[in-house]
Protein backbone atom coordinates (compact mmCIF):
# COMPACT_ATOMS: atom_id res chain seq x y z
CA MET A 1 189.97 -75.77 119.74
CA TRP A 2 188.71 -77.12 123.09
CA PHE A 3 186.72 -80.00 124.44
CA ASN A 4 183.52 -79.66 126.42
CA LYS A 5 180.98 -82.15 127.74
CA LYS A 6 179.63 -82.71 124.22
CA GLY A 7 183.07 -83.74 123.08
CA ASP A 8 184.98 -83.19 119.88
CA GLN A 9 187.27 -85.60 118.09
CA SER A 10 190.80 -84.87 116.99
CA ASN A 11 193.42 -86.93 115.23
CA THR A 12 196.44 -84.84 116.05
CA SER A 13 199.78 -86.54 116.62
CA ASN A 14 200.50 -88.47 119.78
CA GLU A 15 202.48 -85.79 121.61
CA TYR A 16 202.27 -83.89 124.84
CA PHE A 17 200.33 -80.63 125.04
CA THR A 18 198.46 -81.04 121.78
CA GLU A 19 194.72 -81.08 121.08
CA LYS A 20 194.75 -84.88 121.01
CA TRP A 21 196.54 -84.96 124.35
CA MET A 22 193.92 -82.58 125.79
CA LYS A 23 191.09 -84.75 124.52
CA GLU A 24 192.63 -87.87 126.02
CA TRP A 25 193.12 -86.09 129.34
CA PHE A 26 189.55 -84.79 129.31
CA ASP A 27 188.20 -88.33 128.81
CA SER A 28 190.59 -89.77 131.38
CA ILE A 29 189.51 -87.28 134.07
CA ASN A 30 185.83 -87.95 133.57
CA SER A 31 186.27 -91.72 133.62
CA SER A 32 188.43 -91.77 136.75
CA GLU A 33 186.56 -92.93 139.84
CA LYS A 34 189.60 -92.07 141.96
CA TYR A 35 189.49 -88.46 140.80
CA LYS A 36 185.73 -88.25 141.32
CA ARG A 37 186.17 -89.34 144.96
CA ALA A 38 189.20 -87.19 145.67
CA ALA A 39 187.78 -84.06 143.99
CA LYS A 40 184.18 -84.21 145.19
CA HIS A 41 184.73 -80.91 147.08
CA TRP A 42 186.92 -79.27 144.42
CA ASN A 43 185.24 -76.36 142.65
CA SER A 44 188.16 -74.29 141.41
CA PRO A 45 189.12 -73.64 137.77
CA ILE A 46 192.85 -74.15 137.40
CA LEU A 47 195.43 -72.90 134.92
CA LEU A 48 198.59 -74.89 134.21
CA LYS A 49 200.88 -72.20 132.92
CA PHE A 50 204.16 -72.57 130.97
CA GLU A 51 207.15 -70.30 131.47
CA PRO A 52 208.73 -70.08 128.97
CA VAL A 53 205.89 -70.88 126.58
CA PRO A 54 206.71 -73.77 124.17
CA GLU A 55 206.35 -73.15 120.44
CA LYS A 56 203.43 -75.59 120.15
CA LEU A 57 201.45 -73.40 122.58
CA LYS A 58 202.51 -70.15 120.97
CA GLU A 59 200.93 -71.40 117.76
CA ASN A 60 197.60 -71.36 119.62
CA GLU A 61 198.35 -67.99 121.27
CA SER A 62 198.27 -69.87 124.55
CA VAL A 63 200.19 -69.68 127.82
CA GLY A 64 199.03 -73.08 129.07
CA PHE A 65 195.92 -75.13 129.76
CA TYR A 66 192.71 -74.09 131.47
CA LEU A 67 190.68 -76.76 133.26
CA ASP A 68 187.13 -76.05 134.37
CA LEU A 69 186.70 -78.42 137.33
CA LYS A 70 183.44 -78.90 139.20
CA TYR A 71 183.04 -81.38 142.05
CA GLY A 72 184.82 -84.37 140.53
CA GLU A 73 184.06 -83.55 136.90
CA CYS A 74 185.98 -81.74 134.20
CA LEU A 75 183.59 -79.57 132.20
CA ASP A 76 186.21 -78.18 129.86
CA ILE A 77 189.89 -78.25 128.91
CA LYS A 78 191.22 -75.67 126.51
CA PHE A 79 194.29 -73.71 125.54
CA ALA A 80 194.51 -70.81 127.96
CA THR A 81 194.86 -67.18 126.96
CA SER A 82 195.01 -64.05 129.09
CA GLU A 83 191.24 -64.22 129.48
CA GLU A 84 191.46 -67.62 131.18
CA GLU A 85 194.25 -66.30 133.43
CA SER A 86 191.78 -63.86 134.96
CA MET A 87 189.13 -66.59 135.37
CA ALA A 88 191.35 -69.22 136.99
CA GLN A 89 191.28 -69.43 140.78
CA ILE A 90 194.56 -71.36 140.87
CA ILE A 91 197.55 -70.75 138.60
CA LEU A 92 200.52 -73.12 138.72
CA THR A 93 203.58 -72.23 136.66
CA ALA A 94 206.57 -74.31 135.52
CA ASP A 95 208.66 -74.94 132.42
CA GLU A 96 207.77 -77.66 129.93
CA THR A 97 210.30 -80.15 131.32
CA THR A 98 208.90 -79.83 134.83
CA TRP A 99 205.32 -80.31 133.62
CA ILE A 100 206.33 -83.46 131.77
CA ARG A 101 208.08 -84.76 134.89
CA LEU A 102 205.00 -84.04 136.98
CA ILE A 103 202.83 -85.96 134.57
CA GLU A 104 205.14 -88.89 133.94
CA ASP A 105 206.29 -89.41 137.52
CA LYS A 106 202.88 -88.62 139.03
CA LYS A 107 204.42 -86.09 141.39
CA ASP A 108 202.49 -84.34 144.14
CA PRO A 109 202.03 -80.66 143.12
CA THR A 110 202.16 -79.50 146.75
CA MET A 111 205.55 -81.16 147.24
CA MET A 112 206.82 -79.61 144.02
CA ILE A 113 205.79 -76.18 145.30
CA MET A 114 207.65 -76.88 148.55
CA LYS A 115 210.74 -77.74 146.50
CA LYS A 116 210.34 -74.56 144.43
CA LYS A 117 210.06 -76.62 141.22
CA LEU A 118 206.52 -75.36 140.73
CA THR A 119 205.28 -71.82 141.39
CA LEU A 120 201.87 -71.01 142.85
CA ASP A 121 201.16 -67.70 141.10
CA LYS A 122 197.53 -67.47 142.16
CA GLY A 123 195.60 -69.15 144.94
CA SER A 124 196.30 -70.27 148.48
CA ILE A 125 198.86 -72.91 149.41
CA VAL A 126 196.59 -73.81 152.32
CA MET A 127 193.61 -74.33 150.03
CA LEU A 128 195.71 -76.35 147.61
CA SER A 129 197.07 -78.50 150.43
CA THR A 130 193.54 -79.29 151.56
CA GLN A 131 192.85 -80.61 148.06
CA ARG A 132 196.28 -82.18 147.52
CA GLN A 133 194.82 -85.64 146.92
CA ALA A 134 192.50 -84.20 144.28
CA ALA A 135 195.37 -82.30 142.63
CA LYS A 136 197.53 -85.40 142.56
CA ALA A 137 194.67 -87.55 141.26
CA LEU A 138 194.09 -84.96 138.53
CA LEU A 139 197.68 -85.19 137.31
CA GLU A 140 197.57 -88.98 137.53
CA THR A 141 194.84 -88.97 134.90
CA ALA A 142 196.99 -87.02 132.42
CA PRO A 143 198.08 -89.16 129.43
CA THR A 144 201.73 -90.24 129.41
CA TYR A 145 203.69 -91.30 126.37
CA ARG A 146 206.84 -92.57 127.98
CA ASP A 147 207.76 -96.20 127.29
CA SER A 148 206.93 -98.40 130.25
CA LYS A 149 210.54 -99.64 130.37
CA GLN A 150 211.60 -96.12 131.27
CA GLN A 151 209.28 -95.89 134.29
CA LYS A 152 211.15 -95.38 137.50
CA GLU A 153 211.03 -98.25 139.95
CA PHE A 154 211.23 -97.49 143.62
CA ILE A 155 212.44 -100.60 145.38
CA THR A 156 212.65 -100.81 149.16
CA GLU A 157 215.09 -103.53 150.12
CA ILE A 158 214.15 -104.91 153.52
CA LYS A 159 217.07 -106.92 154.79
CA GLU A 160 216.23 -109.33 157.57
CA LYS A 161 219.17 -109.61 159.90
CA GLN A 162 219.75 -111.83 162.85
CA GLU A 163 221.27 -109.74 165.57
CA LYS A 164 224.04 -111.61 167.27
CA GLU A 165 225.80 -110.87 170.49
CA SER A 166 229.46 -110.06 169.89
CA LYS A 167 232.46 -109.10 171.91
CA HIS A 168 233.95 -105.63 171.76
CA SER A 169 237.00 -105.58 169.55
CA SER A 170 238.05 -102.07 170.57
CA PHE A 171 236.76 -98.74 171.93
CA THR A 172 236.42 -95.41 170.13
CA THR A 173 237.68 -93.31 173.01
CA ILE A 174 240.87 -95.39 173.25
CA GLN A 175 241.55 -95.52 169.53
CA LYS A 176 240.86 -91.95 168.42
CA GLY A 177 238.98 -90.12 171.13
CA LEU A 178 235.68 -88.27 170.76
CA ASP A 179 235.07 -85.78 167.99
CA PHE A 180 234.18 -82.79 170.14
CA GLU A 181 233.95 -80.49 167.09
CA GLY A 182 231.39 -82.66 165.32
CA PHE A 183 227.74 -81.61 165.23
CA PRO A 184 226.38 -84.39 167.50
CA MET A 185 228.77 -83.48 170.33
CA LYS A 186 227.94 -79.80 169.94
CA LEU A 187 224.28 -80.70 170.34
CA PHE A 188 225.18 -82.72 173.43
CA GLN A 189 226.93 -79.70 174.96
CA LYS A 190 223.74 -77.67 174.43
CA ALA A 191 221.62 -80.46 175.90
CA LYS A 192 223.68 -80.39 179.09
CA VAL A 193 223.02 -76.64 179.45
CA TYR A 194 219.49 -76.11 178.15
CA GLY A 195 218.05 -79.58 178.72
CA ILE A 196 218.64 -79.66 182.46
CA TRP A 197 215.20 -78.78 183.75
CA ASN A 198 212.84 -80.66 186.00
CA PRO A 199 209.14 -80.76 185.10
CA ALA A 200 208.32 -81.27 188.77
CA ASP A 201 209.98 -77.92 189.62
CA ILE A 202 207.60 -75.90 187.41
CA ASP A 203 205.08 -74.07 189.58
CA LEU A 204 201.54 -74.91 188.41
CA SER A 205 199.70 -73.29 191.33
CA ARG A 206 198.60 -70.20 189.39
CA ASP A 207 197.62 -72.42 186.46
CA ARG A 208 195.36 -74.41 188.77
CA GLU A 209 193.55 -71.26 189.94
CA GLU A 210 193.26 -69.75 186.45
CA TRP A 211 191.93 -73.05 185.11
CA LYS A 212 188.87 -72.67 187.31
CA GLN A 213 188.09 -69.32 185.66
CA LEU A 214 188.27 -70.52 182.07
CA GLN A 215 185.16 -70.99 179.95
CA ASP A 216 184.08 -74.57 179.24
CA ASP A 217 185.03 -74.33 175.55
CA GLU A 218 188.46 -72.94 176.48
CA LYS A 219 189.03 -75.85 178.84
CA GLU A 220 187.85 -78.23 176.15
CA ILE A 221 190.39 -77.19 173.52
CA LEU A 222 193.22 -77.17 176.06
CA ILE A 223 192.27 -80.70 177.14
CA HIS A 224 192.00 -81.67 173.46
CA LEU A 225 195.45 -80.38 172.54
CA SER A 226 197.06 -81.69 175.73
CA GLY A 227 195.57 -85.11 175.06
CA LEU A 228 197.23 -85.19 171.64
CA PHE A 229 200.58 -84.12 173.09
CA LEU A 230 200.36 -86.51 176.04
CA ALA A 231 199.99 -89.57 173.81
CA GLY A 232 202.40 -88.16 171.22
CA GLU A 233 205.18 -87.61 173.77
CA GLU A 234 204.71 -91.12 175.13
CA ALA A 235 204.84 -92.51 171.59
CA VAL A 236 208.11 -90.79 170.69
CA THR A 237 209.61 -91.88 174.03
CA VAL A 238 208.67 -95.52 173.49
CA ASP A 239 209.51 -95.64 169.77
CA LEU A 240 212.94 -93.94 169.79
CA LEU A 241 214.96 -96.88 171.13
CA PRO A 242 215.40 -98.78 167.81
CA LEU A 243 217.03 -95.73 166.21
CA ILE A 244 219.46 -95.40 169.12
CA GLN A 245 220.30 -99.09 168.81
CA VAL A 246 221.04 -98.78 165.08
CA ILE A 247 223.28 -95.76 165.61
CA ALA A 248 225.08 -97.61 168.41
CA ALA A 249 225.49 -100.74 166.25
CA GLU A 250 227.16 -98.63 163.57
CA GLY A 251 229.73 -97.41 166.11
CA ARG A 252 228.70 -93.75 165.90
CA LEU A 253 229.54 -93.02 169.51
CA GLU A 254 229.12 -89.24 169.38
CA GLU A 255 225.64 -89.56 167.92
CA GLU A 256 224.74 -92.22 170.48
CA ILE A 257 225.91 -89.93 173.29
CA PHE A 258 223.62 -87.16 172.08
CA LEU A 259 220.72 -89.58 171.63
CA THR A 260 220.90 -90.50 175.32
CA SER A 261 219.86 -86.92 176.12
CA PHE A 262 217.26 -87.06 173.35
CA LEU A 263 215.45 -90.02 174.94
CA TRP A 264 215.73 -88.56 178.44
CA GLU A 265 214.15 -85.31 177.25
CA GLU A 266 211.25 -87.08 175.55
CA ALA A 267 210.59 -88.87 178.84
CA LYS A 268 210.52 -85.53 180.66
CA HIS A 269 208.03 -84.16 178.15
CA THR A 270 205.74 -87.09 178.91
CA GLU A 271 206.12 -86.35 182.61
CA PHE A 272 205.33 -82.65 182.15
CA PHE A 273 202.00 -83.20 180.39
CA SER A 274 201.08 -85.86 182.96
CA LEU A 275 201.75 -83.38 185.77
CA PHE A 276 199.60 -80.76 184.04
CA VAL A 277 196.73 -83.24 183.82
CA ARG A 278 197.05 -84.24 187.47
CA ASP A 279 197.73 -80.85 189.04
CA VAL A 280 195.79 -78.43 186.83
CA ILE A 281 192.99 -80.28 185.04
CA GLY A 282 192.52 -82.30 188.21
CA TYR A 283 191.12 -85.49 186.68
CA GLN A 284 191.88 -87.91 183.83
CA PRO A 285 189.69 -86.90 180.85
CA ASP A 286 188.69 -89.30 178.11
CA PHE A 287 191.65 -88.41 175.89
CA GLN A 288 190.94 -91.29 173.50
CA GLN A 289 187.99 -89.38 172.03
CA TYR A 290 190.43 -86.86 170.53
CA HIS A 291 192.47 -89.52 168.75
CA LYS A 292 190.69 -89.48 165.41
CA THR A 293 191.42 -91.53 162.28
CA HIS A 294 194.44 -89.66 160.93
CA TYR A 295 196.00 -89.17 164.37
CA ARG A 296 195.72 -92.92 164.98
CA THR A 297 197.15 -93.67 161.55
CA LEU A 298 200.29 -91.67 162.27
CA PHE A 299 200.87 -92.24 165.99
CA TYR A 300 199.37 -95.69 166.49
CA GLU A 301 200.58 -97.23 163.21
CA LYS A 302 203.15 -95.41 161.07
CA LEU A 303 205.44 -94.01 163.77
CA PRO A 304 205.94 -97.39 165.55
CA ARG A 305 206.09 -99.17 162.16
CA ASP A 306 208.88 -96.98 160.81
CA LEU A 307 210.93 -96.99 164.01
CA ASN A 308 210.49 -100.66 164.89
CA ARG A 309 211.43 -101.69 161.36
CA LEU A 310 214.97 -100.76 162.42
CA LYS A 311 215.09 -103.76 164.74
CA LEU A 312 215.52 -105.97 161.67
CA ASP A 313 216.42 -103.56 158.89
CA HIS A 314 219.42 -101.24 159.43
CA SER A 315 219.54 -100.07 155.81
CA PRO A 316 219.96 -96.37 154.96
CA ILE A 317 216.44 -96.12 153.51
CA ALA A 318 214.93 -97.61 156.68
CA GLN A 319 216.83 -95.05 158.76
CA LEU A 320 215.73 -92.26 156.44
CA LYS A 321 212.08 -93.23 156.73
CA ALA A 322 212.31 -93.53 160.51
CA SER A 323 213.90 -90.11 160.91
CA GLY A 324 211.55 -88.58 158.34
CA THR A 325 208.51 -89.79 160.27
CA TYR A 326 209.91 -88.89 163.68
CA ASN A 327 211.90 -85.70 163.12
CA MET A 328 210.39 -84.17 159.98
CA ILE A 329 206.70 -84.85 160.55
CA VAL A 330 205.95 -85.64 164.20
CA GLU A 331 208.43 -83.14 165.66
CA GLY A 332 209.21 -80.70 162.86
CA THR A 333 205.68 -80.23 161.52
CA LEU A 334 203.03 -81.31 164.04
CA ALA A 335 204.73 -80.61 167.39
CA GLU A 336 205.94 -77.19 166.31
CA THR A 337 202.45 -76.32 165.07
CA GLY A 338 201.11 -77.43 168.46
CA TYR A 339 203.57 -75.14 170.23
CA ALA A 340 202.30 -72.27 168.09
CA ALA A 341 198.76 -73.11 169.22
CA TYR A 342 199.75 -73.00 172.89
CA HIS A 343 201.53 -69.70 172.31
CA LYS A 344 198.45 -68.11 170.71
CA MET A 345 196.17 -69.39 173.46
CA LEU A 346 198.33 -68.77 176.53
CA THR A 347 201.08 -66.26 175.89
CA ASP A 348 198.87 -63.90 173.90
CA ASN A 349 196.27 -64.02 176.72
CA ASP A 350 198.70 -64.13 179.68
CA LEU A 351 197.30 -67.43 180.94
CA LEU A 352 198.69 -70.52 182.68
CA PRO A 353 202.31 -69.38 183.27
CA GLY A 354 203.44 -72.86 184.30
CA MET A 355 202.22 -74.38 181.06
CA GLN A 356 203.88 -71.52 179.16
CA GLU A 357 207.20 -72.22 180.90
CA GLY A 358 206.96 -75.94 180.16
CA ILE A 359 206.17 -75.38 176.48
CA ILE A 360 209.19 -73.08 176.14
CA LYS A 361 211.41 -75.79 177.63
CA LEU A 362 209.88 -78.46 175.39
CA LYS A 363 210.38 -76.33 172.31
CA GLN A 364 214.05 -75.77 173.15
CA ASP A 365 214.56 -79.52 173.52
CA GLU A 366 212.71 -80.30 170.30
CA SER A 367 214.81 -77.80 168.34
CA ARG A 368 217.89 -79.93 169.13
CA HIS A 369 216.01 -83.12 168.22
CA ILE A 370 214.96 -81.69 164.85
CA ALA A 371 218.50 -80.39 164.22
CA TYR A 372 219.87 -83.89 164.80
CA GLY A 373 217.22 -85.39 162.54
CA LEU A 374 218.20 -83.05 159.70
CA TYR A 375 221.88 -83.88 160.32
CA LEU A 376 221.12 -87.61 160.16
CA ILE A 377 218.96 -87.33 157.03
CA ASN A 378 221.55 -85.16 155.26
CA ARG A 379 224.30 -87.63 156.17
CA LEU A 380 222.31 -90.57 154.85
CA LEU A 381 221.28 -88.77 151.63
CA ASP A 382 224.85 -87.61 150.97
CA GLN A 383 226.00 -91.21 151.28
CA ASN A 384 223.01 -92.66 149.40
CA PRO A 385 221.74 -90.09 146.84
CA GLY A 386 219.79 -92.78 145.02
CA TYR A 387 217.24 -92.82 147.85
CA ARG A 388 216.21 -89.16 147.47
CA ASP A 389 213.08 -89.87 145.42
CA GLU A 390 211.89 -92.73 147.61
CA PHE A 391 212.43 -90.63 150.72
CA GLU A 392 210.51 -87.75 149.14
CA ASN A 393 207.59 -90.07 148.39
CA HIS A 394 207.61 -91.18 152.03
CA LEU A 395 207.43 -87.59 153.26
CA GLU A 396 204.69 -86.81 150.76
CA GLU A 397 202.51 -89.55 152.26
CA LEU A 398 203.17 -88.37 155.81
CA LEU A 399 202.56 -84.70 155.06
CA ASN A 400 199.08 -85.69 153.98
CA ASP A 401 198.57 -87.38 157.37
CA ALA A 402 199.85 -84.31 159.20
CA THR A 403 197.58 -81.83 157.43
CA ASN A 404 194.60 -84.12 157.97
CA ILE A 405 195.39 -84.26 161.71
CA ILE A 406 195.16 -80.46 161.83
CA TYR A 407 191.76 -80.72 160.15
CA GLU A 408 190.67 -83.26 162.75
CA ILE A 409 191.67 -80.93 165.58
CA PHE A 410 189.52 -78.07 164.35
CA GLU A 411 186.59 -80.08 162.99
CA PRO A 412 184.52 -80.27 166.24
CA TYR A 413 184.44 -76.50 166.76
CA ASP A 414 181.98 -74.17 165.05
CA VAL A 415 183.82 -71.24 166.62
CA VAL A 416 187.32 -72.10 167.80
CA PRO A 417 188.12 -70.79 171.31
CA PHE A 418 190.88 -68.20 171.84
CA GLY A 419 190.37 -66.98 168.27
CA LEU A 420 192.35 -69.83 166.72
CA GLU A 421 192.00 -70.28 162.95
CA LYS A 422 192.45 -73.55 161.08
CA GLU A 423 193.89 -71.86 157.98
CA TRP A 424 196.59 -70.09 160.02
CA PHE A 425 197.78 -73.36 161.52
CA LEU A 426 197.70 -75.21 158.20
CA GLU A 427 199.83 -72.50 156.65
CA TYR A 428 202.17 -72.57 159.67
CA ALA A 429 202.59 -76.35 159.40
CA LEU A 430 203.31 -76.19 155.68
CA LYS A 431 205.90 -73.45 156.20
CA GLN A 432 207.65 -75.51 158.88
CA PHE A 433 207.73 -78.50 156.56
CA GLN A 434 208.98 -76.45 153.62
CA HIS A 435 211.71 -74.91 155.79
CA ARG A 436 213.03 -78.40 156.61
CA MET A 437 212.81 -79.49 152.97
CA ASP A 438 214.93 -76.47 152.05
CA LYS A 439 217.50 -77.55 154.63
CA LEU A 440 217.65 -80.96 152.95
CA GLY A 441 218.26 -79.43 149.53
CA TYR A 442 214.94 -80.43 147.95
């Protein structure tokens, strides 16, 4: 039995994955204004598949549920057989427990795929990520039967502290010496070898001559991307200080020592892009025009918000959110995707050798920054496992910002110069993010 736009009543018991549950979900989808808005571009039938198949579905010779979705409407929900498997454009597979968790906790399907809790058996992860708000809104409409008292509460405790000047009571190096075998000091040793480069020493003379020979659209996308990096590098330089201050206040001297190189390197990155603008582009373009809504949301609002919160709130969850925004999203997802764009444009076409050299140096520096961020997040989560879900929700929100920024970059171009493809970069960004999530044990 299924339910179409004409409707059909059922009085089956109040349980998950029954005909009554399907009918309630069908009505809930079509009465949800949030879903209508989020799914106005969604036109993909989807199959929610069970592996193993529960007995209640076997009774209907079903492997799951087939949803016929058209531009914000649900035309049909029915038990899915092998015939619907061939019709569905997207097939998501999980066991019954995982599906119940998705429904009850309103989890983001894309994040669950990243964590390997949900399998994408058919369809594109890039396409699904572009409709992640629609997919989440769809699951939010699914009926839940859990008692409200059992709902998880995510509480962020913001502790306002008055920072007081105090005298030193002792010194780490006198008491126990530095931990040279610890990860932060090993990163510092690498920074002293690979981070010692001077942006002003990079020869941009050939870049300046080659720039004159580029097509207007090629110049445009290079200015566009450089404008995003220029502001982004300044932002991470300015916003890093509160994290260093928290680490210092906790007496983590080895981490503080490494973070001194971290800040210095971010400052050099800002200098490098400024030199490229001055010496190659030759004038100061209107970079603000490239800072669209989602870019401004992340770099103008959320990055400074999450880092500056540390001035008053030194709690583990505040540190987790700050590092998640900075290291996982800004550096580990967006910056690395930007480096891939420069590589495809310049290295593959043997252009602008000075810019190529600078990007290689930047990428080496950022790899240490991301490694420290993962170290910090793992340390905090090991000490505070109760924050894992709240931290995951924070990353979920920011991943949406990051993927939308990639959309904003490509939106102005009918044909993207240098043969760049939006889908390739979206997939690259998602893989970078998933790689870091794996490192964190999600």
